[in-house]
Amino acid sequence: MKFSCVVILLVLSVCLFSSSNAIPKLRQKRTLAQEYCPNAMSAKECANYAEEESKKLEYCHRYYVSGNHIEWQSCGRAICGKNTRLVEEDKSKPYPECCVHCEIIDPNKSAESSAIM
């Protein structure tokens, strides 16, 4: 019984913290939230509302407006492993280049990083 619990826990851990080869400039897009604009706004009012709300957010993100529906996207987390270093979020760049990510130190060596979803 203990053995099967350990195997299940191990499989779940691998799924949650999947390790893969680091690929330079690869970004995972994450959906943060989906919402409707308040008070049955027109599409133009909804776009203005989303733009104003976007200015208030203090992290790397982007949004899409479709009618009165807004989809917000932000970055996941990166855990850098062998032969990689963490590059912090840079809000001066557009999404997804602004996201925190792992950068390969020596391109001639193998590298690993993890993404947490």
PDB file of N, CA and C in Angstrom:
ATOM      1  N   MET A   1       0.826  -1.197   0.000  1.00  0.00           N
ATOM      2  CA  MET A   1       0.000   0.000   0.000  1.00  0.00           C
ATOM      3  C   MET A   1       0.871   1.263   0.000  1.00  0.00           C
ATOM      4  N   LYS A   2       1.921   1.250   0.844  1.00  0.00           N
ATOM      5  CA  LYS A   2       2.806   2.410   0.881  1.00  0.00           C
ATOM      6  C   LYS A   2       3.489   2.612  -0.469  1.00  0.00           C
ATOM      7  N   PHE A   3       3.879   1.499  -1.076  1.00  0.00           N
ATOM      8  CA  PHE A   3       4.561   1.582  -2.366  1.00  0.00           C
ATOM      9  C   PHE A   3       3.673   2.241  -3.419  1.00  0.00           C
ATOM     10  N   SER A   4       2.416   1.855  -3.498  1.00  0.00           N
ATOM     11  CA  SER A   4       1.515   2.441  -4.499  1.00  0.00           C
ATOM     12  C   SER A   4       1.260   3.918  -4.217  1.00  0.00           C
ATOM     13  N   CYS A   5       1.191   4.303  -2.953  1.00  0.00           N
ATOM     14  CA  CYS A   5       1.019   5.727  -2.611  1.00  0.00           C
ATOM     15  C   CYS A   5       2.245   6.529  -3.034  1.00  0.00           C
ATOM     16  N   VAL A   6       3.426   5.961  -2.824  1.00  0.00           N
ATOM     17  CA  VAL A   6       4.659   6.643  -3.217  1.00  0.00           C
ATOM     18  C   VAL A   6       4.720   6.792  -4.738  1.00  0.00           C
ATOM     19  N   VAL A   7       4.333   5.769  -5.466  1.00  0.00           N
ATOM     20  CA  VAL A   7       4.334   5.828  -6.931  1.00  0.00           C
ATOM     21  C   VAL A   7       3.359   6.894  -7.423  1.00  0.00           C
ATOM     22  N   ILE A   8       2.173   6.930  -6.863  1.00  0.00           N
ATOM     23  CA  ILE A   8       1.177   7.938  -7.258  1.00  0.00           C
ATOM     24  C   ILE A   8       1.684   9.337  -6.945  1.00  0.00           C
ATOM     25  N   LEU A   9       2.275   9.525  -5.769  1.00  0.00           N
ATOM     26  CA  LEU A   9       2.819  10.825  -5.387  1.00  0.00           C
ATOM     27  C   LEU A   9       3.944  11.236  -6.336  1.00  0.00           C
ATOM     28  N   LEU A  10       4.779  10.297  -6.700  1.00  0.00           N
ATOM     29  CA  LEU A  10       5.870  10.583  -7.622  1.00  0.00           C
ATOM     30  C   LEU A  10       5.346  11.003  -8.996  1.00  0.00           C
ATOM     31  N   VAL A  11       4.352  10.317  -9.503  1.00  0.00           N
ATOM     32  CA  VAL A  11       3.760  10.657 -10.805  1.00  0.00           C
ATOM     33  C   VAL A  11       3.126  12.041 -10.757  1.00  0.00           C
ATOM     34  N   LEU A  12       2.407  12.344  -9.697  1.00  0.00           N
ATOM     35  CA  LEU A  12       1.796  13.674  -9.563  1.00  0.00           C
ATOM     36  C   LEU A  12       2.854  14.761  -9.485  1.00  0.00           C
ATOM     37  N   SER A  13       3.944  14.502  -8.767  1.00  0.00           N
ATOM     38  CA  SER A  13       5.027  15.479  -8.658  1.00  0.00           C
ATOM     39  C   SER A  13       5.644  15.766 -10.015  1.00  0.00           C
ATOM     40  N   VAL A  14       5.862  14.730 -10.797  1.00  0.00           N
ATOM     41  CA  VAL A  14       6.433  14.915 -12.131  1.00  0.00           C
ATOM     42  C   VAL A  14       5.493  15.733 -13.002  1.00  0.00           C
ATOM     43  N   CYS A  15       4.197  15.485 -12.895  1.00  0.00           N
ATOM     44  CA  CYS A  15       3.225  16.241 -13.691  1.00  0.00           C
ATOM     45  C   CYS A  15       3.184  17.706 -13.289  1.00  0.00           C
ATOM     46  N   LEU A  16       3.259  17.989 -11.993  1.00  0.00           N
ATOM     47  CA  LEU A  16       3.176  19.366 -11.522  1.00  0.00           C
ATOM     48  C   LEU A  16       4.451  20.147 -11.789  1.00  0.00           C
ATOM     49  N   PHE A  17       5.578  19.506 -11.630  1.00  0.00           N
ATOM     50  CA  PHE A  17       6.863  20.174 -11.800  1.00  0.00           C
ATOM     51  C   PHE A  17       7.633  19.515 -12.936  1.00  0.00           C
ATOM     52  N   SER A  18       7.109  19.633 -14.123  1.00  0.00           N
ATOM     53  CA  SER A  18       7.725  18.954 -15.259  1.00  0.00           C
ATOM     54  C   SER A  18       9.022  19.652 -15.642  1.00  0.00           C
ATOM     55  N   SER A  19      10.063  18.876 -15.793  1.00  0.00           N
ATOM     56  CA  SER A  19      11.371  19.387 -16.174  1.00  0.00           C
ATOM     57  C   SER A  19      11.581  19.126 -17.652  1.00  0.00           C
ATOM     58  N   SER A  20      12.122  20.097 -18.333  1.00  0.00           N
ATOM     59  CA  SER A  20      12.351  19.932 -19.767  1.00  0.00           C
ATOM     60  C   SER A  20      13.617  20.662 -20.163  1.00  0.00           C
ATOM     61  N   ASN A  21      14.102  20.396 -21.353  1.00  0.00           N
ATOM     62  CA  ASN A  21      15.267  21.111 -21.858  1.00  0.00           C
ATOM     63  C   ASN A  21      14.907  22.573 -22.038  1.00  0.00           C
ATOM     64  N   ALA A  22      15.810  23.452 -21.641  1.00  0.00           N
ATOM     65  CA  ALA A  22      15.566  24.885 -21.761  1.00  0.00           C
ATOM     66  C   ALA A  22      15.711  25.310 -23.216  1.00  0.00           C
ATOM     67  N   ILE A  23      14.766  26.044 -23.709  1.00  0.00           N
ATOM     68  CA  ILE A  23      14.804  26.566 -25.067  1.00  0.00           C
ATOM     69  C   ILE A  23      14.831  28.084 -24.951  1.00  0.00           C
ATOM     70  N   PRO A  24      15.873  28.736 -25.446  1.00  0.00           N
ATOM     71  CA  PRO A  24      15.964  30.188 -25.314  1.00  0.00           C
ATOM     72  C   PRO A  24      14.733  30.892 -25.877  1.00  0.00           C
ATOM     73  N   LYS A  25      14.302  31.903 -25.182  1.00  0.00           N
ATOM     74  CA  LYS A  25      13.207  32.782 -25.593  1.00  0.00           C
ATOM     75  C   LYS A  25      11.855  32.086 -25.690  1.00  0.00           C
ATOM     76  N   LEU A  26      11.710  30.913 -25.078  1.00  0.00           N
ATOM     77  CA  LEU A  26      10.407  30.245 -25.065  1.00  0.00           C
ATOM     78  C   LEU A  26       9.641  30.726 -23.840  1.00  0.00           C
ATOM     79  N   ARG A  27       8.418  31.194 -24.016  1.00  0.00           N
ATOM     80  CA  ARG A  27       7.601  31.685 -22.916  1.00  0.00           C
ATOM     81  C   ARG A  27       6.302  30.913 -22.880  1.00  0.00           C
ATOM     82  N   GLN A  28       5.869  30.567 -21.712  1.00  0.00           N
ATOM     83  CA  GLN A  28       4.580  29.922 -21.527  1.00  0.00           C
ATOM     84  C   GLN A  28       3.559  31.010 -21.227  1.00  0.00           C
ATOM     85  N   LYS A  29       2.477  31.045 -21.974  1.00  0.00           N
ATOM     86  CA  LYS A  29       1.411  32.008 -21.724  1.00  0.00           C
ATOM     87  C   LYS A  29       0.418  31.381 -20.760  1.00  0.00           C
ATOM     88  N   ARG A  30       0.043  32.110 -19.769  1.00  0.00           N
ATOM     89  CA  ARG A  30      -0.873  31.612 -18.751  1.00  0.00           C
ATOM     90  C   ARG A  30      -2.120  32.493 -18.736  1.00  0.00           C
ATOM     91  N   THR A  31      -3.287  31.899 -18.664  1.00  0.00           N
ATOM     92  CA  THR A  31      -4.506  32.675 -18.535  1.00  0.00           C
ATOM     93  C   THR A  31      -4.700  33.008 -17.076  1.00  0.00           C
ATOM     94  N   LEU A  32      -4.763  34.272 -16.767  1.00  0.00           N
ATOM     95  CA  LEU A  32      -4.950  34.722 -15.398  1.00  0.00           C
ATOM     96  C   LEU A  32      -6.429  34.763 -15.053  1.00  0.00           C
ATOM     97  N   ALA A  33      -7.225  35.365 -15.907  1.00  0.00           N
ATOM     98  CA  ALA A  33      -8.646  35.503 -15.589  1.00  0.00           C
ATOM     99  C   ALA A  33      -9.442  35.837 -16.842  1.00  0.00           C
ATOM    100  N   GLN A  34     -10.719  35.541 -16.771  1.00  0.00           N
ATOM    101  CA  GLN A  34     -11.655  35.953 -17.806  1.00  0.00           C
ATOM    102  C   GLN A  34     -12.794  36.669 -17.109  1.00  0.00           C
ATOM    103  N   GLU A  35     -13.241  37.757 -17.688  1.00  0.00           N
ATOM    104  CA  GLU A  35     -14.332  38.505 -17.072  1.00  0.00           C
ATOM    105  C   GLU A  35     -15.174  39.204 -18.128  1.00  0.00           C
ATOM    106  N   TYR A  36     -16.338  39.629 -17.703  1.00  0.00           N
ATOM    107  CA  TYR A  36     -17.211  40.446 -18.546  1.00  0.00           C
ATOM    108  C   TYR A  36     -17.114  41.882 -18.070  1.00  0.00           C
ATOM    109  N   CYS A  37     -17.218  42.811 -18.995  1.00  0.00           N
ATOM    110  CA  CYS A  37     -17.234  44.218 -18.613  1.00  0.00           C
ATOM    111  C   CYS A  37     -18.509  44.511 -17.833  1.00  0.00           C
ATOM    112  N   PRO A  38     -18.433  45.407 -16.858  1.00  0.00           N
ATOM    113  CA  PRO A  38     -19.605  45.707 -16.039  1.00  0.00           C
ATOM    114  C   PRO A  38     -20.678  46.503 -16.786  1.00  0.00           C
ATOM    115  N   ASN A  39     -21.896  46.353 -16.326  1.00  0.00           N
ATOM    116  CA  ASN A  39     -23.034  47.175 -16.764  1.00  0.00           C
ATOM    117  C   ASN A  39     -23.303  47.153 -18.266  1.00  0.00           C
ATOM    118  N   ALA A  40     -23.151  46.025 -18.913  1.00  0.00           N
ATOM    119  CA  ALA A  40     -23.465  45.865 -20.342  1.00  0.00           C
ATOM    120  C   ALA A  40     -22.855  46.978 -21.193  1.00  0.00           C
ATOM    121  N   MET A  41     -21.567  47.192 -21.043  1.00  0.00           N
ATOM    122  CA  MET A  41     -20.856  48.215 -21.811  1.00  0.00           C
ATOM    123  C   MET A  41     -20.815  47.836 -23.286  1.00  0.00           C
ATOM    124  N   SER A  42     -20.658  48.844 -24.131  1.00  0.00           N
ATOM    125  CA  SER A  42     -20.446  48.583 -25.556  1.00  0.00           C
ATOM    126  C   SER A  42     -19.029  48.036 -25.730  1.00  0.00           C
ATOM    127  N   ALA A  43     -18.727  47.531 -26.909  1.00  0.00           N
ATOM    128  CA  ALA A  43     -17.395  46.979 -27.171  1.00  0.00           C
ATOM    129  C   ALA A  43     -16.308  48.043 -26.987  1.00  0.00           C
ATOM    130  N   LYS A  44     -16.581  49.269 -27.433  1.00  0.00           N
ATOM    131  CA  LYS A  44     -15.603  50.350 -27.290  1.00  0.00           C
ATOM    132  C   LYS A  44     -15.411  50.723 -25.819  1.00  0.00           C
ATOM    133  N   GLU A  45     -16.502  50.813 -25.064  1.00  0.00           N
ATOM    134  CA  GLU A  45     -16.404  51.115 -23.632  1.00  0.00           C
ATOM    135  C   GLU A  45     -15.660  50.006 -22.896  1.00  0.00           C
ATOM    136  N   CYS A  46     -15.898  48.773 -23.301  1.00  0.00           N
ATOM    137  CA  CYS A  46     -15.223  47.636 -22.682  1.00  0.00           C
ATOM    138  C   CYS A  46     -13.719  47.695 -22.952  1.00  0.00           C
ATOM    139  N   ALA A  47     -13.339  48.052 -24.172  1.00  0.00           N
ATOM    140  CA  ALA A  47     -11.919  48.176 -24.509  1.00  0.00           C
ATOM    141  C   ALA A  47     -11.260  49.274 -23.676  1.00  0.00           C
ATOM    142  N   ASN A  48     -11.959  50.394 -23.491  1.00  0.00           N
ATOM    143  CA  ASN A  48     -11.435  51.480 -22.650  1.00  0.00           C
ATOM    144  C   ASN A  48     -11.313  51.037 -21.196  1.00  0.00           C
ATOM    145  N   TYR A  49     -12.323  50.312 -20.714  1.00  0.00           N
ATOM    146  CA  TYR A  49     -12.305  49.783 -19.350  1.00  0.00           C
ATOM    147  C   TYR A  49     -11.103  48.852 -19.153  1.00  0.00           C
ATOM    148  N   ALA A  50     -10.870  47.950 -20.105  1.00  0.00           N
ATOM    149  CA  ALA A  50      -9.753  47.005 -20.006  1.00  0.00           C
ATOM    150  C   ALA A  50      -8.414  47.735 -20.017  1.00  0.00           C
ATOM    151  N   GLU A  51      -8.305  48.766 -20.844  1.00  0.00           N
ATOM    152  CA  GLU A  51      -7.064  49.542 -20.897  1.00  0.00           C
ATOM    153  C   GLU A  51      -6.786  50.222 -19.560  1.00  0.00           C
ATOM    154  N   GLU A  52      -7.815  50.803 -18.950  1.00  0.00           N
ATOM    155  CA  GLU A  52      -7.646  51.454 -17.645  1.00  0.00           C
ATOM    156  C   GLU A  52      -7.282  50.440 -16.558  1.00  0.00           C
ATOM    157  N   GLU A  53      -7.933  49.287 -16.565  1.00  0.00           N
ATOM    158  CA  GLU A  53      -7.619  48.243 -15.579  1.00  0.00           C
ATOM    159  C   GLU A  53      -6.201  47.711 -15.785  1.00  0.00           C
ATOM    160  N   SER A  54      -5.777  47.615 -17.036  1.00  0.00           N
ATOM    161  CA  SER A  54      -4.440  47.122 -17.353  1.00  0.00           C
ATOM    162  C   SER A  54      -3.360  48.026 -16.761  1.00  0.00           C
ATOM    163  N   LYS A  55      -3.596  49.327 -16.775  1.00  0.00           N
ATOM    164  CA  LYS A  55      -2.631  50.284 -16.220  1.00  0.00           C
ATOM    165  C   LYS A  55      -2.437  50.092 -14.721  1.00  0.00           C
ATOM    166  N   LYS A  56      -3.433  49.545 -14.034  1.00  0.00           N
ATOM    167  CA  LYS A  56      -3.361  49.347 -12.579  1.00  0.00           C
ATOM    168  C   LYS A  56      -2.557  48.105 -12.190  1.00  0.00           C
ATOM    169  N   LEU A  57      -2.413  47.161 -13.103  1.00  0.00           N
ATOM    170  CA  LEU A  57      -1.723  45.911 -12.787  1.00  0.00           C
ATOM    171  C   LEU A  57      -0.214  46.137 -12.742  1.00  0.00           C
ATOM    172  N   GLU A  58       0.419  45.586 -11.731  1.00  0.00           N
ATOM    173  CA  GLU A  58       1.846  45.823 -11.520  1.00  0.00           C
ATOM    174  C   GLU A  58       2.697  44.610 -11.879  1.00  0.00           C
ATOM    175  N   TYR A  59       2.302  43.863 -12.883  1.00  0.00           N
ATOM    176  CA  TYR A  59       3.077  42.713 -13.322  1.00  0.00           C
ATOM    177  C   TYR A  59       2.912  42.543 -14.831  1.00  0.00           C
ATOM    178  N   CYS A  60       3.773  41.745 -15.401  1.00  0.00           N
ATOM    179  CA  CYS A  60       3.774  41.485 -16.842  1.00  0.00           C
ATOM    180  C   CYS A  60       2.474  40.801 -17.249  1.00  0.00           C
ATOM    181  N   HIS A  61       1.781  41.356 -18.229  1.00  0.00           N
ATOM    182  CA  HIS A  61       0.497  40.790 -18.662  1.00  0.00           C
ATOM    183  C   HIS A  61       0.099  41.372 -20.020  1.00  0.00           C
ATOM    184  N   ARG A  62      -0.965  40.825 -20.551  1.00  0.00           N
ATOM    185  CA  ARG A  62      -1.647  41.408 -21.703  1.00  0.00           C
ATOM    186  C   ARG A  62      -3.107  40.998 -21.615  1.00  0.00           C
ATOM    187  N   TYR A  63      -3.916  41.626 -22.447  1.00  0.00           N
ATOM    188  CA  TYR A  63      -5.345  41.314 -22.427  1.00  0.00           C
ATOM    189  C   TYR A  63      -5.902  41.343 -23.842  1.00  0.00           C
ATOM    190  N   TYR A  64      -6.989  40.619 -24.015  1.00  0.00           N
ATOM    191  CA  TYR A  64      -7.748  40.603 -25.268  1.00  0.00           C
ATOM    192  C   TYR A  64      -9.176  41.004 -24.941  1.00  0.00           C
ATOM    193  N   VAL A  65      -9.771  41.817 -25.790  1.00  0.00           N
ATOM    194  CA  VAL A  65     -11.165  42.208 -25.616  1.00  0.00           C
ATOM    195  C   VAL A  65     -11.948  41.698 -26.819  1.00  0.00           C
ATOM    196  N   SER A  66     -13.045  41.026 -26.546  1.00  0.00           N
ATOM    197  CA  SER A  66     -13.937  40.541 -27.595  1.00  0.00           C
ATOM    198  C   SER A  66     -15.357  40.876 -27.165  1.00  0.00           C
ATOM    199  N   GLY A  67     -15.927  41.899 -27.781  1.00  0.00           N
ATOM    200  CA  GLY A  67     -17.253  42.354 -27.361  1.00  0.00           C
ATOM    201  C   GLY A  67     -17.171  42.921 -25.956  1.00  0.00           C
ATOM    202  N   ASN A  68     -17.888  42.296 -25.010  1.00  0.00           N
ATOM    203  CA  ASN A  68     -17.806  42.751 -23.617  1.00  0.00           C
ATOM    204  C   ASN A  68     -17.092  41.714 -22.743  1.00  0.00           C
ATOM    205  N   HIS A  69     -16.250  40.902 -23.353  1.00  0.00           N
ATOM    206  CA  HIS A  69     -15.505  39.856 -22.660  1.00  0.00           C
ATOM    207  C   HIS A  69     -14.011  40.200 -22.694  1.00  0.00           C
ATOM    208  N   ILE A  70     -13.331  40.081 -21.538  1.00  0.00           N
ATOM    209  CA  ILE A  70     -11.894  40.358 -21.452  1.00  0.00           C
ATOM    210  C   ILE A  70     -11.179  39.095 -20.986  1.00  0.00           C
ATOM    211  N   GLU A  71     -10.099  38.760 -21.666  1.00  0.00           N
ATOM    212  CA  GLU A  71      -9.243  37.654 -21.228  1.00  0.00           C
ATOM    213  C   GLU A  71      -7.889  38.237 -20.840  1.00  0.00           C
ATOM    214  N   TRP A  72      -7.497  38.027 -19.579  1.00  0.00           N
ATOM    215  CA  TRP A  72      -6.225  38.520 -19.060  1.00  0.00           C
ATOM    216  C   TRP A  72      -5.216  37.384 -19.074  1.00  0.00           C
ATOM    217  N   GLN A  73      -3.994  37.657 -19.517  1.00  0.00           N
ATOM    218  CA  GLN A  73      -2.926  36.660 -19.504  1.00  0.00           C
ATOM    219  C   GLN A  73      -1.730  37.219 -18.757  1.00  0.00           C
ATOM    220  N   SER A  74      -1.088  36.349 -17.981  1.00  0.00           N
ATOM    221  CA  SER A  74       0.131  36.740 -17.281  1.00  0.00           C
ATOM    222  C   SER A  74       1.121  35.588 -17.341  1.00  0.00           C
ATOM    223  N   CYS A  75       2.247  35.743 -16.685  1.00  0.00           N
ATOM    224  CA  CYS A  75       3.333  34.763 -16.755  1.00  0.00           C
ATOM    225  C   CYS A  75       3.197  33.684 -15.689  1.00  0.00           C
ATOM    226  N   GLY A  76       3.796  32.540 -15.969  1.00  0.00           N
ATOM    227  CA  GLY A  76       3.929  31.486 -14.974  1.00  0.00           C
ATOM    228  C   GLY A  76       5.211  31.720 -14.180  1.00  0.00           C
ATOM    229  N   ARG A  77       5.658  30.686 -13.486  1.00  0.00           N
ATOM    230  CA  ARG A  77       6.900  30.778 -12.724  1.00  0.00           C
ATOM    231  C   ARG A  77       7.951  29.913 -13.392  1.00  0.00           C
ATOM    232  N   ALA A  78       9.202  30.286 -13.231  1.00  0.00           N
ATOM    233  CA  ALA A  78      10.302  29.515 -13.798  1.00  0.00           C
ATOM    234  C   ALA A  78      11.256  29.111 -12.685  1.00  0.00           C
ATOM    235  N   ILE A  79      11.703  27.875 -12.717  1.00  0.00           N
ATOM    236  CA  ILE A  79      12.728  27.390 -11.797  1.00  0.00           C
ATOM    237  C   ILE A  79      13.906  26.974 -12.660  1.00  0.00           C
ATOM    238  N   CYS A  80      15.015  27.655 -12.484  1.00  0.00           N
ATOM    239  CA  CYS A  80      16.179  27.401 -13.323  1.00  0.00           C
ATOM    240  C   CYS A  80      17.040  26.307 -12.714  1.00  0.00           C
ATOM    241  N   GLY A  81      17.496  25.434 -13.568  1.00  0.00           N
ATOM    242  CA  GLY A  81      18.326  24.317 -13.135  1.00  0.00           C
ATOM    243  C   GLY A  81      19.729  24.421 -13.690  1.00  0.00           C
ATOM    244  N   LYS A  82      20.259  23.263 -14.029  1.00  0.00           N
ATOM    245  CA  LYS A  82      21.630  23.137 -14.502  1.00  0.00           C
ATOM    246  C   LYS A  82      21.875  24.023 -15.724  1.00  0.00           C
ATOM    247  N   ASN A  83      22.965  24.797 -15.670  1.00  0.00           N
ATOM    248  CA  ASN A  83      23.437  25.623 -16.780  1.00  0.00           C
ATOM    249  C   ASN A  83      22.431  26.692 -17.216  1.00  0.00           C
ATOM    250  N   THR A  84      21.603  27.170 -16.294  1.00  0.00           N
ATOM    251  CA  THR A  84      20.672  28.260 -16.598  1.00  0.00           C
ATOM    252  C   THR A  84      20.692  29.284 -15.472  1.00  0.00           C
ATOM    253  N   ARG A  85      20.254  30.482 -15.780  1.00  0.00           N
ATOM    254  CA  ARG A  85      20.117  31.522 -14.753  1.00  0.00           C
ATOM    255  C   ARG A  85      18.759  32.180 -14.918  1.00  0.00           C
ATOM    256  N   LEU A  86      18.229  32.682 -13.818  1.00  0.00           N
ATOM    257  CA  LEU A  86      16.912  33.310 -13.813  1.00  0.00           C
ATOM    258  C   LEU A  86      17.010  34.740 -14.326  1.00  0.00           C
ATOM    259  N   VAL A  87      16.163  35.089 -15.279  1.00  0.00           N
ATOM    260  CA  VAL A  87      16.049  36.459 -15.773  1.00  0.00           C
ATOM    261  C   VAL A  87      14.726  36.992 -15.231  1.00  0.00           C
ATOM    262  N   GLU A  88      14.808  38.029 -14.411  1.00  0.00           N
ATOM    263  CA  GLU A  88      13.626  38.572 -13.743  1.00  0.00           C
ATOM    264  C   GLU A  88      12.675  39.244 -14.731  1.00  0.00           C
ATOM    265  N   GLU A  89      11.439  39.445 -14.281  1.00  0.00           N
ATOM    266  CA  GLU A  89      10.414  40.136 -15.066  1.00  0.00           C
ATOM    267  C   GLU A  89      10.900  41.533 -15.435  1.00  0.00           C
ATOM    268  N   ASP A  90      10.670  41.935 -16.672  1.00  0.00           N
ATOM    269  CA  ASP A  90      11.073  43.249 -17.164  1.00  0.00           C
ATOM    270  C   ASP A  90       9.864  43.910 -17.819  1.00  0.00           C
ATOM    271  N   LYS A  91       9.158  44.746 -17.056  1.00  0.00           N
ATOM    272  CA  LYS A  91       7.913  45.339 -17.550  1.00  0.00           C
ATOM    273  C   LYS A  91       8.125  46.361 -18.664  1.00  0.00           C
ATOM    274  N   SER A  92       9.376  46.702 -18.971  1.00  0.00           N
ATOM    275  CA  SER A  92       9.618  47.629 -20.076  1.00  0.00           C
ATOM    276  C   SER A  92       9.463  46.936 -21.431  1.00  0.00           C
ATOM    277  N   LYS A  93       9.421  45.598 -21.427  1.00  0.00           N
ATOM    278  CA  LYS A  93       9.262  44.826 -22.663  1.00  0.00           C
ATOM    279  C   LYS A  93       7.812  44.392 -22.823  1.00  0.00           C
ATOM    280  N   PRO A  94       7.392  44.115 -24.062  1.00  0.00           N
ATOM    281  CA  PRO A  94       6.015  43.639 -24.282  1.00  0.00           C
ATOM    282  C   PRO A  94       5.858  42.191 -23.823  1.00  0.00           C
ATOM    283  N   TYR A  95       4.609  41.789 -23.572  1.00  0.00           N
ATOM    284  CA  TYR A  95       4.309  40.405 -23.209  1.00  0.00           C
ATOM    285  C   TYR A  95       4.496  39.527 -24.440  1.00  0.00           C
ATOM    286  N   PRO A  96       5.078  38.386 -24.375  1.00  0.00           N
ATOM    287  CA  PRO A  96       5.592  37.624 -23.241  1.00  0.00           C
ATOM    288  C   PRO A  96       7.077  37.825 -22.969  1.00  0.00           C
ATOM    289  N   GLU A  97       7.762  38.722 -23.705  1.00  0.00           N
ATOM    290  CA  GLU A  97       9.188  38.950 -23.463  1.00  0.00           C
ATOM    291  C   GLU A  97       9.460  39.500 -22.069  1.00  0.00           C
ATOM    292  N   CYS A  98       8.457  40.109 -21.437  1.00  0.00           N
ATOM    293  CA  CYS A  98       8.630  40.673 -20.105  1.00  0.00           C
ATOM    294  C   CYS A  98       8.601  39.617 -19.000  1.00  0.00           C
ATOM    295  N   CYS A  99       8.188  38.401 -19.319  1.00  0.00           N
ATOM    296  CA  CYS A  99       8.033  37.345 -18.302  1.00  0.00           C
ATOM    297  C   CYS A  99       9.369  36.871 -17.744  1.00  0.00           C
ATOM    298  N   VAL A 100       9.328  36.453 -16.475  1.00  0.00           N
ATOM    299  CA  VAL A 100      10.480  35.812 -15.853  1.00  0.00           C
ATOM    300  C   VAL A 100      10.749  34.508 -16.608  1.00  0.00           C
ATOM    301  N   HIS A 101      12.025  34.235 -16.870  1.00  0.00           N
ATOM    302  CA  HIS A 101      12.374  33.025 -17.622  1.00  0.00           C
ATOM    303  C   HIS A 101      13.807  32.606 -17.314  1.00  0.00           C
ATOM    304  N   CYS A 102      14.168  31.433 -17.771  1.00  0.00           N
ATOM    305  CA  CYS A 102      15.520  30.916 -17.586  1.00  0.00           C
ATOM    306  C   CYS A 102      16.320  31.143 -18.864  1.00  0.00           C
ATOM    307  N   GLU A 103      17.562  31.548 -18.675  1.00  0.00           N
ATOM    308  CA  GLU A 103      18.442  31.792 -19.808  1.00  0.00           C
ATOM    309  C   GLU A 103      19.611  30.814 -19.733  1.00  0.00           C
ATOM    310  N   ILE A 104      19.984  30.246 -20.858  1.00  0.00           N
ATOM    311  CA  ILE A 104      21.095  29.298 -20.896  1.00  0.00           C
ATOM    312  C   ILE A 104      22.414  30.052 -20.735  1.00  0.00           C
ATOM    313  N   ILE A 105      23.262  29.557 -19.838  1.00  0.00           N
ATOM    314  CA  ILE A 105      24.552  30.192 -19.587  1.00  0.00           C
ATOM    315  C   ILE A 105      25.558  29.812 -20.670  1.00  0.00           C
ATOM    316  N   ASP A 106      25.745  28.526 -20.902  1.00  0.00           N
ATOM    317  CA  ASP A 106      26.686  28.034 -21.908  1.00  0.00           C
ATOM    318  C   ASP A 106      25.918  27.214 -22.940  1.00  0.00           C
ATOM    319  N   PRO A 107      25.722  27.753 -24.158  1.00  0.00           N
ATOM    320  CA  PRO A 107      24.928  27.040 -25.164  1.00  0.00           C
ATOM    321  C   PRO A 107      25.550  25.722 -25.636  1.00  0.00           C
ATOM    322  N   ASN A 108      26.810  25.486 -25.302  1.00  0.00           N
ATOM    323  CA  ASN A 108      27.477  24.247 -25.705  1.00  0.00           C
ATOM    324  C   ASN A 108      27.240  23.104 -24.724  1.00  0.00           C
ATOM    325  N   LYS A 109      26.575  23.389 -23.601  1.00  0.00           N
ATOM    326  CA  LYS A 109      26.289  22.366 -22.596  1.00  0.00           C
ATOM    327  C   LYS A 109      24.782  22.157 -22.511  1.00  0.00           C
ATOM    328  N   SER A 110      24.377  20.996 -21.989  1.00  0.00           N
ATOM    329  CA  SER A 110      22.939  20.753 -21.811  1.00  0.00           C
ATOM    330  C   SER A 110      22.417  21.628 -20.675  1.00  0.00           C
ATOM    331  N   ALA A 111      21.145  21.956 -20.751  1.00  0.00           N
ATOM    332  CA  ALA A 111      20.532  22.834 -19.755  1.00  0.00           C
ATOM    333  C   ALA A 111      19.140  22.336 -19.428  1.00  0.00           C
ATOM    334  N   GLU A 112      18.688  22.628 -18.206  1.00  0.00           N
ATOM    335  CA  GLU A 112      17.354  22.227 -17.774  1.00  0.00           C
ATOM    336  C   GLU A 112      16.692  23.362 -17.016  1.00  0.00           C
ATOM    337  N   SER A 113      15.383  23.419 -17.129  1.00  0.00           N
ATOM    338  CA  SER A 113      14.594  24.365 -16.341  1.00  0.00           C
ATOM    339  C   SER A 113      13.215  23.769 -16.145  1.00  0.00           C
ATOM    340  N   SER A 114      12.452  24.342 -15.225  1.00  0.00           N
ATOM    341  CA  SER A 114      11.102  23.858 -14.949  1.00  0.00           C
ATOM    342  C   SER A 114      10.122  25.009 -15.011  1.00  0.00           C
ATOM    343  N   ALA A 115       8.907  24.691 -15.394  1.00  0.00           N
ATOM    344  CA  ALA A 115       7.826  25.674 -15.403  1.00  0.00           C
ATOM    345  C   ALA A 115       6.735  25.180 -14.476  1.00  0.00           C
ATOM    346  N   ILE A 116       6.236  26.070 -13.627  1.00  0.00           N
ATOM    347  CA  ILE A 116       5.130  25.736 -12.734  1.00  0.00           C
ATOM    348  C   ILE A 116       3.894  26.419 -13.269  1.00  0.00           C
ATOM    349  N   MET A 117       2.874  25.642 -13.519  1.00  0.00           N
ATOM    350  CA  MET A 117       1.658  26.181 -14.118  1.00  0.00           C
ATOM    351  C   MET A 117       0.646  26.548 -13.076  1.00  0.00           C
TER     352      MET A 117
END
